[in-house]
N, C-alpha and C. Protein backbone atom coordinates (compact mmCIF):
# COMPACT_ATOMS: atom_id res chain seq x y z
N MET A 1 92.43 102.36 103.86
CA MET A 1 91.60 101.10 103.37
C MET A 1 90.68 101.43 102.55
N ARG A 2 91.00 102.44 101.52
CA ARG A 2 89.54 102.65 100.62
C ARG A 2 90.13 103.33 99.58
N TYR A 3 89.51 105.43 95.11
CA TYR A 3 89.19 106.64 94.73
C TYR A 3 88.82 106.74 93.38
N ALA A 4 90.25 108.80 90.42
CA ALA A 4 89.46 108.67 88.96
C ALA A 4 89.67 109.82 88.84
N LEU A 5 90.17 109.94 87.48
CA LEU A 5 89.61 111.31 86.90
C LEU A 5 88.73 111.78 86.19
N VAL A 6 87.91 112.48 87.10
CA VAL A 6 86.51 112.70 86.01
C VAL A 6 86.08 114.01 85.78
N LEU A 7 85.62 114.69 84.66
CA LEU A 7 85.56 115.80 84.28
C LEU A 7 84.12 116.24 84.41
N SER A 8 84.13 117.60 85.19
CA SER A 8 82.71 117.88 85.45
C SER A 8 81.59 117.88 84.65
N SER A 9 81.85 117.90 83.59
CA SER A 9 80.85 117.49 82.44
C SER A 9 80.29 116.43 82.53
N MET A 10 80.90 115.19 82.57
CA MET A 10 80.79 113.89 82.77
C MET A 10 79.98 113.67 84.05
N ALA A 11 80.27 114.36 85.02
CA ALA A 11 79.77 114.02 86.50
C ALA A 11 78.44 114.52 85.99
N LEU A 12 78.10 115.43 85.51
CA LEU A 12 76.55 116.27 85.22
C LEU A 12 75.74 114.96 84.01
N LEU A 13 76.30 114.62 83.11
CA LEU A 13 75.88 113.59 82.37
C LEU A 13 75.72 112.36 83.00
N LEU A 14 76.28 111.98 83.54
CA LEU A 14 75.92 110.85 84.61
C LEU A 14 74.93 110.76 85.28
N PHE A 15 74.80 112.15 86.23
CA PHE A 15 73.85 111.64 87.32
C PHE A 15 72.62 113.03 86.75
N SER A 16 72.30 113.01 85.62
CA SER A 16 71.25 113.54 85.14
C SER A 16 69.82 112.74 85.59
N SER A 17 68.70 113.75 86.22
CA SER A 17 67.84 112.82 86.74
C SER A 17 66.89 112.65 85.66
N LEU A 18 67.23 112.87 84.18
CA LEU A 18 66.27 112.74 83.22
C LEU A 18 66.95 111.11 82.93
N GLY A 19 68.03 110.73 82.99
CA GLY A 19 68.50 109.59 82.90
C GLY A 19 69.33 109.43 81.39
N VAL A 20 70.04 109.56 81.70
CA VAL A 20 70.96 109.34 80.31
C VAL A 20 72.17 108.20 79.97
N ARG A 21 72.55 107.93 79.12
CA ARG A 21 73.65 107.02 78.90
C ARG A 21 74.82 107.64 78.91
N ALA A 22 76.00 106.88 79.55
CA ALA A 22 77.36 107.55 79.95
C ALA A 22 78.14 107.88 78.53
N ALA A 23 77.84 107.32 77.69
CA ALA A 23 78.96 107.46 76.72
C ALA A 23 78.85 108.32 75.76
N ALA A 24 78.26 109.24 75.44
CA ALA A 24 77.79 110.13 74.46
C ALA A 24 79.20 110.95 73.94
N ASN A 25 80.08 111.38 74.80
CA ASN A 25 81.24 111.89 74.54
C ASN A 25 82.30 111.38 75.16
N LEU A 26 82.26 110.14 75.15
CA LEU A 26 83.24 109.12 75.79
C LEU A 26 84.02 108.01 74.35
N LYS A 27 85.39 108.09 74.63
CA LYS A 27 85.70 107.04 73.32
C LYS A 27 86.55 105.98 74.31
N CYS A 28 86.78 105.18 73.62
CA CYS A 28 87.24 103.51 73.93
C CYS A 28 88.65 103.89 74.36
N ASP A 29 89.14 104.54 75.37
CA ASP A 29 90.44 105.05 75.77
C ASP A 29 90.59 104.76 77.26
N LYS A 30 91.89 105.02 77.74
CA LYS A 30 92.34 104.66 78.80
C LYS A 30 91.67 105.95 79.95
N ALA A 31 91.76 107.03 79.18
CA ALA A 31 91.56 108.06 79.96
C ALA A 31 89.56 108.42 80.21
N SER A 32 88.88 108.03 78.91
CA SER A 32 87.54 107.79 79.17
C SER A 32 87.29 106.87 80.09
N LEU A 33 87.69 105.51 80.21
CA LEU A 33 87.53 104.36 81.43
C LEU A 33 87.40 104.65 82.60
N ASP A 34 88.71 105.91 82.84
CA ASP A 34 88.98 106.26 84.21
C ASP A 34 87.89 106.94 84.74
N ARG A 35 87.53 107.88 83.87
CA ARG A 35 86.72 108.64 83.88
C ARG A 35 85.24 108.12 84.52
N LEU A 36 85.03 107.35 83.68
CA LEU A 36 83.79 106.35 83.98
C LEU A 36 83.78 105.59 85.41
N ALA A 37 85.13 105.22 85.84
CA ALA A 37 85.29 104.35 86.70
C ALA A 37 85.02 105.24 88.03
N THR A 38 85.35 106.53 88.23
CA THR A 38 84.78 107.12 89.62
C THR A 38 83.48 107.35 89.50
N ASP A 39 82.95 107.69 88.21
CA ASP A 39 81.55 108.09 88.43
C ASP A 39 80.74 106.71 89.03
N ILE A 40 80.89 105.47 88.59
CA ILE A 40 80.38 104.37 88.97
C ILE A 40 80.37 104.13 90.52
N VAL A 41 81.43 104.34 90.86
CA VAL A 41 81.29 104.45 92.59
C VAL A 41 80.10 105.03 93.30
N LYS A 42 80.11 106.01 92.47
CA LYS A 42 79.06 107.07 93.04
C LYS A 42 77.33 106.04 93.06
N LEU A 43 77.37 105.21 92.23
CA LEU A 43 76.01 104.64 92.24
C LEU A 43 76.01 103.73 92.98
N SER A 44 74.68 103.23 93.35
CA SER A 44 74.20 102.10 93.94
C SER A 44 73.78 100.78 93.63
N GLY A 45 73.56 99.84 94.29
CA GLY A 45 72.77 98.86 94.16
C GLY A 45 73.31 98.15 92.72
N LYS A 46 72.24 97.63 91.96
CA LYS A 46 72.06 96.77 90.76
C LYS A 46 73.19 97.62 89.34
N GLU A 47 72.65 98.42 89.83
CA GLU A 47 73.01 99.62 88.58
C GLU A 47 74.71 99.68 88.65
N ARG A 48 75.36 99.81 89.71
CA ARG A 48 76.41 99.95 89.96
C ARG A 48 77.71 98.63 89.68
N LYS A 49 76.55 97.53 90.19
CA LYS A 49 77.58 96.20 89.58
C LYS A 49 77.28 96.05 87.96
N LYS A 50 76.06 96.15 87.48
CA LYS A 50 76.11 96.11 86.47
C LYS A 50 77.23 97.21 85.49
N ALA A 51 77.12 98.52 85.86
CA ALA A 51 78.00 99.39 85.10
C ALA A 51 79.65 99.06 85.49
N ASN A 52 79.68 98.14 86.72
CA ASN A 52 81.20 97.91 86.86
C ASN A 52 81.89 96.72 85.98
N LYS A 53 80.71 95.77 85.73
CA LYS A 53 81.22 94.62 85.09
C LYS A 53 81.30 95.03 83.55
N GLN A 54 80.28 95.99 83.20
CA GLN A 54 80.87 96.25 81.83
C GLN A 54 82.03 97.10 81.40
N LEU A 55 82.47 97.65 82.33
CA LEU A 55 83.67 98.62 82.74
C LEU A 55 84.70 97.69 82.44
N ASN A 56 84.56 96.66 83.59
CA ASN A 56 86.02 95.61 83.11
C ASN A 56 85.92 94.94 81.83
N ASN A 57 84.71 94.41 81.33
CA ASN A 57 84.79 94.18 80.50
C ASN A 57 85.35 94.66 79.18
N ALA A 58 84.99 96.31 79.00
CA ALA A 58 85.54 97.19 78.29
C ALA A 58 87.06 97.20 78.23
N LYS A 59 87.62 97.27 79.36
CA LYS A 59 89.03 97.38 79.81
C LYS A 59 89.76 96.21 79.11
N ALA A 60 88.86 94.96 79.37
CA ALA A 60 89.78 93.74 78.96
C ALA A 60 89.49 93.76 77.17
N ALA A 61 88.59 94.17 76.91
CA ALA A 61 88.73 94.64 75.24
C ALA A 61 89.74 95.52 74.70
N LEU A 62 89.89 96.59 75.52
CA LEU A 62 90.91 97.80 75.11
C LEU A 62 92.56 96.83 75.08
N GLU A 63 92.43 95.94 76.22
CA GLU A 63 93.69 95.77 76.19
C GLU A 63 93.95 94.31 75.13
N SER A 64 93.00 93.84 74.72
CA SER A 64 93.06 92.96 73.63
C SER A 64 93.24 93.25 71.96
N GLY A 65 93.02 94.69 72.37
CA GLY A 65 92.76 95.61 70.91
C GLY A 65 91.58 95.45 70.26
N ASP A 66 90.55 95.01 70.87
CA ASP A 66 89.44 94.81 70.38
C ASP A 66 88.37 96.34 70.49
N THR A 67 88.63 97.32 70.00
CA THR A 67 88.36 98.75 70.13
C THR A 67 86.73 98.63 69.72
N LYS A 68 86.68 98.06 68.95
CA LYS A 68 84.89 98.04 68.77
C LYS A 68 83.96 97.68 69.86
N LYS A 69 84.49 96.47 70.20
CA LYS A 69 84.03 95.69 71.27
C LYS A 69 83.69 96.85 72.74
N CYS A 70 84.96 97.47 72.77
CA CYS A 70 85.23 98.22 74.03
C CYS A 70 84.59 99.32 73.93
N GLN A 71 84.00 100.23 72.72
CA GLN A 71 83.36 101.10 72.54
C GLN A 71 81.71 100.88 72.52
N ARG A 72 81.66 99.57 72.37
CA ARG A 72 79.85 99.21 72.28
C ARG A 72 79.89 98.76 74.07
N LEU A 73 80.36 98.79 74.25
CA LEU A 73 80.28 98.31 75.82
C LEU A 73 80.56 99.62 76.71
N VAL A 74 81.24 100.52 76.25
CA VAL A 74 81.30 101.75 76.91
C VAL A 74 79.97 102.63 76.59
N ASP A 75 79.16 102.40 75.34
CA ASP A 75 78.16 102.95 75.05
C ASP A 75 76.92 102.70 75.73
N ARG A 76 76.98 101.23 76.38
CA ARG A 76 76.03 100.86 76.98
C ARG A 76 76.19 100.88 78.47
N ILE A 77 77.05 101.36 78.90
CA ILE A 77 77.11 101.54 80.26
C ILE A 77 75.98 102.53 80.44
N SER A 78 74.94 102.62 81.81
CA SER A 78 73.90 103.01 81.93
C SER A 78 73.67 103.64 83.33
N VAL A 79 73.59 104.82 83.67
CA VAL A 79 73.88 105.07 84.88
C VAL A 79 72.66 106.09 85.63
N GLY A 80 71.51 106.11 84.42
CA GLY A 80 70.61 107.40 84.56
C GLY A 80 69.74 107.66 85.80
N SER A 81 69.31 106.46 86.29
CA SER A 81 68.29 106.61 87.26
C SER A 81 69.01 106.46 88.56
N SER A 82 70.43 105.92 88.91
CA SER A 82 70.91 106.17 89.89
C SER A 82 71.57 107.55 90.39
N LYS A 83 71.26 107.71 92.00
CA LYS A 83 72.03 109.30 92.26
C LYS A 83 72.85 108.75 93.85
N PRO A 84 73.73 109.56 93.79
CA PRO A 84 74.55 109.12 95.09
C PRO A 84 73.92 109.32 96.60
N SER A 85 73.87 108.61 97.21
CA SER A 85 73.54 108.22 98.45
C SER A 85 73.39 109.31 99.06
N ALA A 86 74.55 110.01 99.36
CA ALA A 86 75.12 111.21 100.48
C ALA A 86 74.30 112.36 100.06
N ASP A 87 73.95 112.88 101.25
CA ASP A 87 73.34 114.60 100.81
C ASP A 87 74.52 115.71 100.32
N VAL A 88 75.38 115.22 100.41
CA VAL A 88 76.70 116.05 100.05
C VAL A 88 77.06 115.95 98.99
N ALA A 89 76.29 114.83 97.92
CA ALA A 89 76.43 114.65 96.65
C ALA A 89 75.22 116.07 95.97
N LYS A 90 74.79 116.82 96.60
CA LYS A 90 74.26 117.43 95.82
C LYS A 90 74.54 119.10 95.86
N VAL A 91 75.58 119.22 96.53
CA VAL A 91 76.58 120.35 96.46
C VAL A 91 77.91 119.85 95.37
N PRO A 92 78.26 121.09 94.46
CA PRO A 92 79.01 120.37 93.32
C PRO A 92 80.57 120.07 94.06
N ALA A 93 80.92 119.04 93.50
CA ALA A 93 82.48 118.26 94.41
C ALA A 93 83.35 119.42 94.67
N ALA A 94 83.47 120.12 93.77
CA ALA A 94 84.75 121.48 93.83
C ALA A 94 84.40 122.34 94.94
N GLU A 95 82.83 122.48 95.56
CA GLU A 95 82.62 123.14 96.46
C GLU A 95 82.53 122.59 98.06
N ARG A 96 82.88 121.41 97.95
CA ARG A 96 82.65 120.84 99.00
C ARG A 96 83.78 120.85 100.21
N PRO A 97 83.60 121.12 101.12
CA PRO A 97 84.52 120.83 102.38
C PRO A 97 85.48 119.32 102.45
N ALA A 98 86.73 119.20 102.14
CA ALA A 98 87.54 117.82 102.14
C ALA A 98 86.73 116.81 103.06
N ARG A 99 86.45 117.46 104.65
CA ARG A 99 85.75 116.56 105.39
C ARG A 99 84.53 115.85 104.78
N ALA A 100 83.69 116.89 104.26
CA ALA A 100 82.45 116.42 103.79
C ALA A 100 82.51 115.21 102.92
N SER A 101 83.49 115.43 101.98
CA SER A 101 83.62 114.86 100.68
C SER A 101 84.14 113.29 100.97
N ILE A 102 85.25 113.17 101.99
CA ILE A 102 85.92 111.99 102.84
C ILE A 102 85.18 111.18 103.17
N ASP A 103 84.15 111.86 104.25
CA ASP A 103 83.32 111.28 105.11
C ASP A 103 82.43 110.59 104.55
N ALA A 104 81.79 111.01 102.89
CA ALA A 104 80.65 110.06 101.88
C ALA A 104 81.68 109.04 101.61
N VAL A 105 82.98 109.04 101.44
CA VAL A 105 83.68 108.09 100.73
C VAL A 105 83.50 107.17 101.75
N VAL A 106 84.14 107.27 102.90
CA VAL A 106 84.41 106.03 103.91
C VAL A 106 83.17 105.88 104.31
N THR A 107 82.13 106.19 104.22
CA THR A 107 80.57 105.68 104.43
C THR A 107 80.45 104.59 103.55
N GLN A 108 80.57 105.22 102.15
CA GLN A 108 80.43 103.88 100.98
C GLN A 108 81.29 102.85 100.87
N PHE A 109 82.75 102.97 101.42
CA PHE A 109 83.59 102.00 101.40
C PHE A 109 83.49 100.95 102.25
N VAL A 110 82.77 101.48 103.49
CA VAL A 110 82.55 100.38 104.62
C VAL A 110 81.22 99.46 103.96
N LYS A 111 80.21 100.20 103.60
CA LYS A 111 79.23 99.47 102.69
C LYS A 111 79.73 98.52 101.63
N ASP A 112 80.53 98.95 100.82
CA ASP A 112 81.00 98.15 99.64
C ASP A 112 81.99 96.99 100.46
N PHE A 113 82.64 97.07 101.23
CA PHE A 113 83.41 96.23 102.13
C PHE A 113 82.52 95.19 102.49
N ASN A 114 81.57 95.62 103.49
CA ASN A 114 80.63 94.62 104.25
C ASN A 114 79.86 94.12 103.17
N GLY A 115 79.64 94.52 101.70
CA GLY A 115 78.59 93.68 100.91
C GLY A 115 79.29 92.81 100.00
N LYS A 116 80.92 92.76 100.26
CA LYS A 116 81.86 91.71 99.89
C LYS A 116 81.99 92.12 98.22
N ASP A 117 82.05 93.55 97.88
CA ASP A 117 82.27 94.37 96.58
C ASP A 117 83.58 94.67 96.42
N ALA A 118 84.73 93.55 96.41
CA ALA A 118 86.04 93.86 95.99
C ALA A 118 86.21 95.22 94.95
N ALA A 119 85.41 94.89 93.66
CA ALA A 119 85.76 95.59 92.62
C ALA A 119 85.32 96.82 92.69
N THR A 120 84.13 97.54 93.62
CA THR A 120 84.19 99.13 93.58
C THR A 120 84.68 99.20 94.65
N LEU A 121 85.29 98.47 96.04
CA LEU A 121 86.08 99.05 96.66
C LEU A 121 87.19 99.45 96.12
N ALA A 122 87.84 98.75 95.19
CA ALA A 122 89.21 99.40 94.50
C ALA A 122 88.70 100.68 93.77
N PHE A 123 88.06 100.95 93.25
CA PHE A 123 87.53 102.31 92.34
C PHE A 123 87.72 103.30 93.50
N HIS A 124 87.63 103.37 94.55
CA HIS A 124 87.81 104.56 95.75
C HIS A 124 89.05 104.81 95.63
N TYR A 125 90.01 104.01 95.43
CA TYR A 125 91.35 104.54 95.40
C TYR A 125 91.81 104.99 93.85
N ALA A 126 93.04 105.91 93.82
CA ALA A 126 93.44 106.30 92.63
C ALA A 126 93.91 105.16 91.93
N GLU A 127 94.15 105.51 90.73
CA GLU A 127 94.50 104.29 89.76
C GLU A 127 96.16 104.07 90.20
N ASP A 128 97.10 104.96 90.85
CA ASP A 128 98.59 105.34 91.08
C ASP A 128 98.54 105.02 92.68
N ALA A 129 97.68 104.37 93.32
CA ALA A 129 97.53 104.36 94.65
C ALA A 129 98.26 102.99 94.95
N ALA A 130 98.66 103.42 96.33
CA ALA A 130 99.28 102.33 97.13
C ALA A 130 98.93 101.77 98.58
N VAL A 131 99.28 100.77 98.90
CA VAL A 131 98.13 100.60 99.80
C VAL A 131 99.51 99.27 100.97
N PHE A 132 99.83 99.56 102.41
CA PHE A 132 100.69 99.17 103.15
C PHE A 132 99.94 98.53 104.65
N PRO A 133 99.48 97.15 103.81
CA PRO A 133 99.09 96.47 104.77
C PRO A 133 100.02 95.74 105.76
N PRO A 134 99.60 95.68 107.00
CA PRO A 134 100.27 94.97 108.41
C PRO A 134 101.20 93.82 107.98
N GLY A 135 102.04 93.69 107.75
CA GLY A 135 102.80 92.51 108.00
C GLY A 135 102.88 91.60 106.19
N GLN A 136 102.75 92.77 105.26
CA GLN A 136 102.65 92.21 103.79
C GLN A 136 103.63 93.60 103.37
N ALA A 137 103.84 93.00 102.12
CA ALA A 137 104.65 93.86 100.89
C ALA A 137 103.46 94.81 100.90
N ARG A 138 104.09 95.96 100.30
CA ARG A 138 103.70 97.41 99.35
C ARG A 138 102.53 96.51 98.48
N VAL A 139 101.27 97.29 98.15
CA VAL A 139 100.47 96.50 97.04
C VAL A 139 100.34 98.05 96.10
N GLU A 140 100.76 98.07 95.22
CA GLU A 140 100.81 99.21 94.17
C GLU A 140 99.73 98.94 93.01
N GLY A 141 98.93 100.12 93.03
CA GLY A 141 97.92 100.26 91.92
C GLY A 141 96.47 99.59 92.20
N ARG A 142 95.40 99.92 91.35
CA ARG A 142 94.27 99.75 91.69
C ARG A 142 93.82 98.15 91.55
N GLU A 143 94.62 97.69 90.58
CA GLU A 143 94.16 96.43 90.14
C GLU A 143 94.52 95.28 91.35
N ASN A 144 95.76 95.82 91.60
CA ASN A 144 96.23 94.92 92.90
C ASN A 144 95.90 95.00 94.13
N ILE A 145 95.35 96.31 94.36
CA ILE A 145 94.56 96.44 95.75
C ILE A 145 93.16 96.09 95.52
N GLN A 146 92.51 95.49 94.40
CA GLN A 146 91.35 95.14 94.31
C GLN A 146 91.74 93.35 94.63
N LYS A 147 92.77 92.71 94.10
CA LYS A 147 93.07 91.73 94.45
C LYS A 147 93.42 91.07 96.07
N MET A 148 93.49 92.28 96.58
CA MET A 148 94.18 92.32 97.97
C MET A 148 92.90 92.22 98.85
N TRP A 149 91.91 92.75 98.56
CA TRP A 149 90.62 93.11 99.34
C TRP A 149 89.76 91.76 98.87
N GLU A 150 90.08 91.02 97.48
CA GLU A 150 89.30 89.80 97.56
C GLU A 150 89.75 88.79 97.98
N GLN A 151 91.05 88.74 98.40
CA GLN A 151 91.58 87.99 99.29
C GLN A 151 91.44 88.12 100.79
N ALA A 152 91.19 89.18 101.15
CA ALA A 152 90.84 89.73 102.38
C ALA A 152 88.94 89.07 102.94
N ILE A 153 88.36 89.35 101.76
CA ILE A 153 87.15 89.16 101.86
C ILE A 153 86.93 87.60 102.06
N LYS A 154 87.59 86.95 101.10
CA LYS A 154 87.45 85.29 101.04
C LYS A 154 87.94 84.59 102.22
N SER A 155 88.80 85.20 102.77
CA SER A 155 89.46 84.77 104.09
C SER A 155 88.29 84.91 105.17
N GLY A 156 87.53 85.67 105.51
CA GLY A 156 86.45 85.51 106.27
C GLY A 156 86.18 87.13 107.10
N VAL A 157 87.03 88.18 106.82
CA VAL A 157 87.21 89.31 106.99
C VAL A 157 85.56 89.99 107.01
N SER A 158 84.88 90.45 107.60
CA SER A 158 83.85 91.14 108.03
C SER A 158 83.47 92.31 108.85
N ASN A 159 82.43 92.69 108.90
CA ASN A 159 81.98 93.72 109.88
C ASN A 159 82.83 94.63 110.19
N LEU A 160 83.42 95.32 108.92
CA LEU A 160 84.02 96.37 108.90
C LEU A 160 83.59 97.66 109.73
N MET A 161 84.23 98.06 110.56
CA MET A 161 83.79 99.41 111.04
C MET A 161 84.97 100.93 110.84
N LEU A 162 84.59 102.21 110.62
CA LEU A 162 85.72 102.99 110.25
C LEU A 162 85.35 104.50 111.28
N THR A 163 85.94 104.79 111.78
CA THR A 163 85.66 105.98 112.43
C THR A 163 86.74 107.31 112.29
N THR A 164 86.39 108.26 111.57
CA THR A 164 87.52 109.06 110.93
C THR A 164 87.74 110.04 112.46
N SER A 165 88.79 110.53 112.75
CA SER A 165 89.21 111.11 113.84
C SER A 165 89.57 112.74 113.14
N GLU A 166 90.18 112.69 112.32
CA GLU A 166 90.43 113.99 111.55
C GLU A 166 90.66 114.35 110.47
N VAL A 167 90.62 115.27 109.64
CA VAL A 167 90.99 115.08 108.18
C VAL A 167 91.77 116.64 108.16
N GLU A 168 92.76 116.82 107.63
CA GLU A 168 93.47 117.70 107.30
C GLU A 168 93.86 118.11 105.83
N GLU A 169 93.36 119.30 105.38
CA GLU A 169 93.62 119.52 104.04
C GLU A 169 94.65 120.40 103.51
N SER A 170 95.28 120.02 102.52
CA SER A 170 96.46 121.14 101.97
C SER A 170 96.53 120.71 100.75
N GLY A 171 96.10 121.91 99.64
CA GLY A 171 96.08 121.62 98.30
C GLY A 171 95.54 120.51 97.91
N ASN A 172 95.97 119.93 97.08
CA ASN A 172 94.91 118.61 96.45
C ASN A 172 95.38 117.39 96.84
N LEU A 173 96.07 117.40 98.43
CA LEU A 173 95.97 116.42 99.18
C LEU A 173 95.53 116.38 100.44
N ALA A 174 94.89 115.74 101.41
CA ALA A 174 94.14 115.57 102.60
C ALA A 174 94.63 114.27 102.95
N LEU A 175 94.85 114.95 104.44
CA LEU A 175 95.47 113.54 105.34
C LEU A 175 94.33 113.08 106.35
N GLU A 176 93.97 111.94 106.51
CA GLU A 176 92.84 111.31 107.48
C GLU A 176 93.45 110.41 108.21
N SER A 177 93.23 110.49 109.83
CA SER A 177 93.27 109.76 110.51
C SER A 177 92.23 109.26 111.29
N GLY A 178 92.25 107.77 111.68
CA GLY A 178 91.15 107.28 112.32
C GLY A 178 91.42 105.77 112.99
N ALA A 179 90.17 105.34 113.38
CA ALA A 179 90.04 103.89 114.20
C ALA A 179 89.28 103.09 113.45
N PHE A 180 89.78 101.59 113.27
CA PHE A 180 89.11 100.44 112.61
C PHE A 180 88.55 99.28 113.51
N SER A 181 87.64 98.61 113.42
CA SER A 181 87.72 97.55 113.79
C SER A 181 86.79 96.28 112.50
N LEU A 182 87.19 95.34 112.95
CA LEU A 182 86.67 94.19 112.03
C LEU A 182 86.51 92.87 112.62
N ASP A 183 86.13 91.77 112.14
CA ASP A 183 85.85 90.48 112.59
C ASP A 183 86.57 89.44 111.41
N GLY A 184 87.20 88.49 112.09
CA GLY A 184 88.15 87.59 111.40
C GLY A 184 87.66 86.26 111.74
N ASN A 185 88.16 84.99 110.85
CA ASN A 185 87.86 83.51 111.37
C ASN A 185 88.92 83.43 112.17
N GLY A 186 88.72 82.97 113.68
CA GLY A 186 89.66 82.47 114.21
C GLY A 186 89.69 80.70 114.59
N PRO A 187 90.33 80.34 115.31
CA PRO A 187 90.41 78.92 115.43
C PRO A 187 89.27 78.15 115.98
N ASN A 188 88.96 76.85 115.47
CA ASN A 188 87.75 76.45 115.79
C ASN A 188 86.27 76.85 115.27
N GLY A 189 86.32 77.83 114.47
CA GLY A 189 85.00 78.72 114.15
C GLY A 189 84.82 79.76 115.39
N THR A 190 85.80 79.99 115.62
CA THR A 190 85.58 81.30 116.64
C THR A 190 85.59 82.79 115.73
N VAL A 191 85.28 83.22 116.59
CA VAL A 191 85.31 85.12 115.94
C VAL A 191 86.31 85.61 116.16
N THR A 192 87.57 86.44 115.65
CA THR A 192 88.39 87.14 116.12
C THR A 192 88.10 88.37 116.30
N LYS A 193 88.09 89.35 116.75
CA LYS A 193 87.74 90.88 116.84
C LYS A 193 89.08 91.19 116.81
N THR A 194 89.08 92.45 115.87
CA THR A 194 90.65 93.15 115.94
C THR A 194 90.16 94.50 115.84
N SER A 195 91.05 95.59 116.30
CA SER A 195 90.74 97.00 116.24
C SER A 195 91.94 97.36 115.97
N GLY A 196 92.08 98.72 115.67
CA GLY A 196 93.71 99.47 115.17
C GLY A 196 93.12 100.61 114.66
N LYS A 197 94.13 101.17 114.24
CA LYS A 197 94.16 102.27 113.65
C LYS A 197 94.66 102.78 112.20
N TYR A 198 94.47 103.83 111.36
CA TYR A 198 95.04 104.04 110.13
C TYR A 198 95.18 105.42 109.75
N VAL A 199 95.89 105.64 108.55
CA VAL A 199 95.98 106.86 108.09
C VAL A 199 95.85 106.42 106.64
N VAL A 200 95.35 107.77 106.17
CA VAL A 200 95.36 107.64 104.46
C VAL A 200 95.29 108.95 103.99
N VAL A 201 96.15 108.88 102.61
CA VAL A 201 96.54 110.41 101.89
C VAL A 201 95.33 110.47 100.95
N TRP A 202 94.50 111.07 100.69
CA TRP A 202 93.53 111.37 99.69
C TRP A 202 94.30 112.01 98.53
N LYS A 203 93.85 112.13 97.78
CA LYS A 203 94.28 112.74 96.47
C LYS A 203 93.05 113.51 95.93
N LYS A 204 93.08 114.87 95.66
CA LYS A 204 91.87 115.24 95.01
C LYS A 204 92.21 115.43 93.38
N THR A 205 90.89 115.20 92.64
CA THR A 205 91.04 114.60 91.17
C THR A 205 90.30 116.48 90.44
N VAL A 206 90.45 116.24 89.05
CA VAL A 206 90.17 117.41 88.38
C VAL A 206 89.09 117.85 88.45
N ASP A 207 88.18 117.10 88.89
CA ASP A 207 86.85 117.68 89.34
C ASP A 207 86.08 117.75 90.14
N GLY A 208 87.31 117.82 91.84
CA GLY A 208 87.05 118.14 93.04
C GLY A 208 86.58 116.92 94.16
N THR A 209 86.70 115.93 93.35
CA THR A 209 86.18 114.66 94.06
C THR A 209 87.65 114.28 94.75
N TRP A 210 87.69 113.22 95.69
CA TRP A 210 88.54 112.69 96.86
C TRP A 210 88.70 111.10 96.45
N GLN A 211 89.92 110.96 95.94
CA GLN A 211 90.27 109.55 96.25
C GLN A 211 91.25 109.05 96.96
N MET A 212 91.56 107.72 97.27
CA MET A 212 92.66 107.36 98.28
C MET A 212 93.85 107.00 97.62
N TYR A 213 95.01 107.88 98.15
CA TYR A 213 96.32 107.78 96.89
C TYR A 213 97.19 106.78 97.76
N ARG A 214 97.21 107.22 99.54
CA ARG A 214 98.34 106.18 100.15
C ARG A 214 97.28 105.54 101.35
N ASP A 215 97.35 104.44 102.14
CA ASP A 215 96.46 103.76 102.60
C ASP A 215 97.23 102.82 103.69
N ILE A 216 97.26 103.02 104.83
CA ILE A 216 98.17 102.01 105.97
C ILE A 216 97.50 101.90 107.47
N TRP A 217 97.66 100.84 107.69
CA TRP A 217 96.99 100.31 109.15
C TRP A 217 97.56 99.42 109.93
N ASN A 218 97.21 99.44 111.27
CA ASN A 218 98.05 98.63 111.92
C ASN A 218 97.04 98.03 113.17
N GLU A 219 97.26 96.94 113.85
CA GLU A 219 96.52 96.61 114.58
C GLU A 219 96.68 97.44 116.10
N ASN A 220 95.96 97.08 117.29
CA ASN A 220 96.01 97.96 118.60
C ASN A 220 96.79 97.09 119.29
N SER A 221 96.11 95.86 119.36
CA SER A 221 96.95 94.65 120.27
C SER A 221 96.50 93.21 119.42
N PRO A 222 97.15 92.27 119.72
CA PRO A 222 96.76 91.00 119.17
C PRO A 222 95.60 90.61 119.29
N ALA A 223 94.86 89.92 118.29
CA ALA A 223 93.49 89.94 117.83
C ALA A 223 93.08 88.50 118.75
N LYS A 224 91.90 88.64 119.56
CA LYS A 224 91.59 88.05 120.71
C LYS A 224 90.14 87.11 120.06
N ALA A 225 90.29 85.76 119.97
CA ALA A 225 89.12 84.97 119.80
C ALA A 225 88.01 84.87 120.85
N ASN A 226 86.89 84.97 120.36
CA ASN A 226 85.78 84.94 121.45
C ASN A 226 84.98 83.51 121.45
């Protein structure tokens, strides 16, 4: 329920303690926007929301053919003063165990979900990710995954909790399984408690970070209203 191609040099640029802008070596093209997408996920608070908005506007400008506007937006994305919240970020991504990196992303995913930030949720997934929600058709691609989570959040789903049981790493892929719980809107204003299990296939990017590639979950039992 929760990934982007980023070069190591860009990670250093984005998270410099001196605070620099992210556009010095970036062009208005899909590859550059993808690089920014993963780094923006690592930000926190207002800076992340601002950078996400600028990134989405840059994508729209690129799609419409307005490359000058796109480039201006890329140049404007500022991430200098933010740092990843997890301690694991102090270790170069390529040197981290898969479990440590995935645990950090899962923690941030829960924060983003409960903060009703569907746009940031989507950036935890790879561009070619697929999600298999219970009782629904397969959801393909990051943009459609964002729409799916937007609908879920609007429906009143909240208070997500994720507990990772195991992570098995094999090359550039890792398999995570665990349990989840969340609240939903029941009849007559009641709260529906739901619990279940999930499996996520993670894909390692060229800079050593991990993104969600395949995501599937289901309930343990029918939801009950309190």
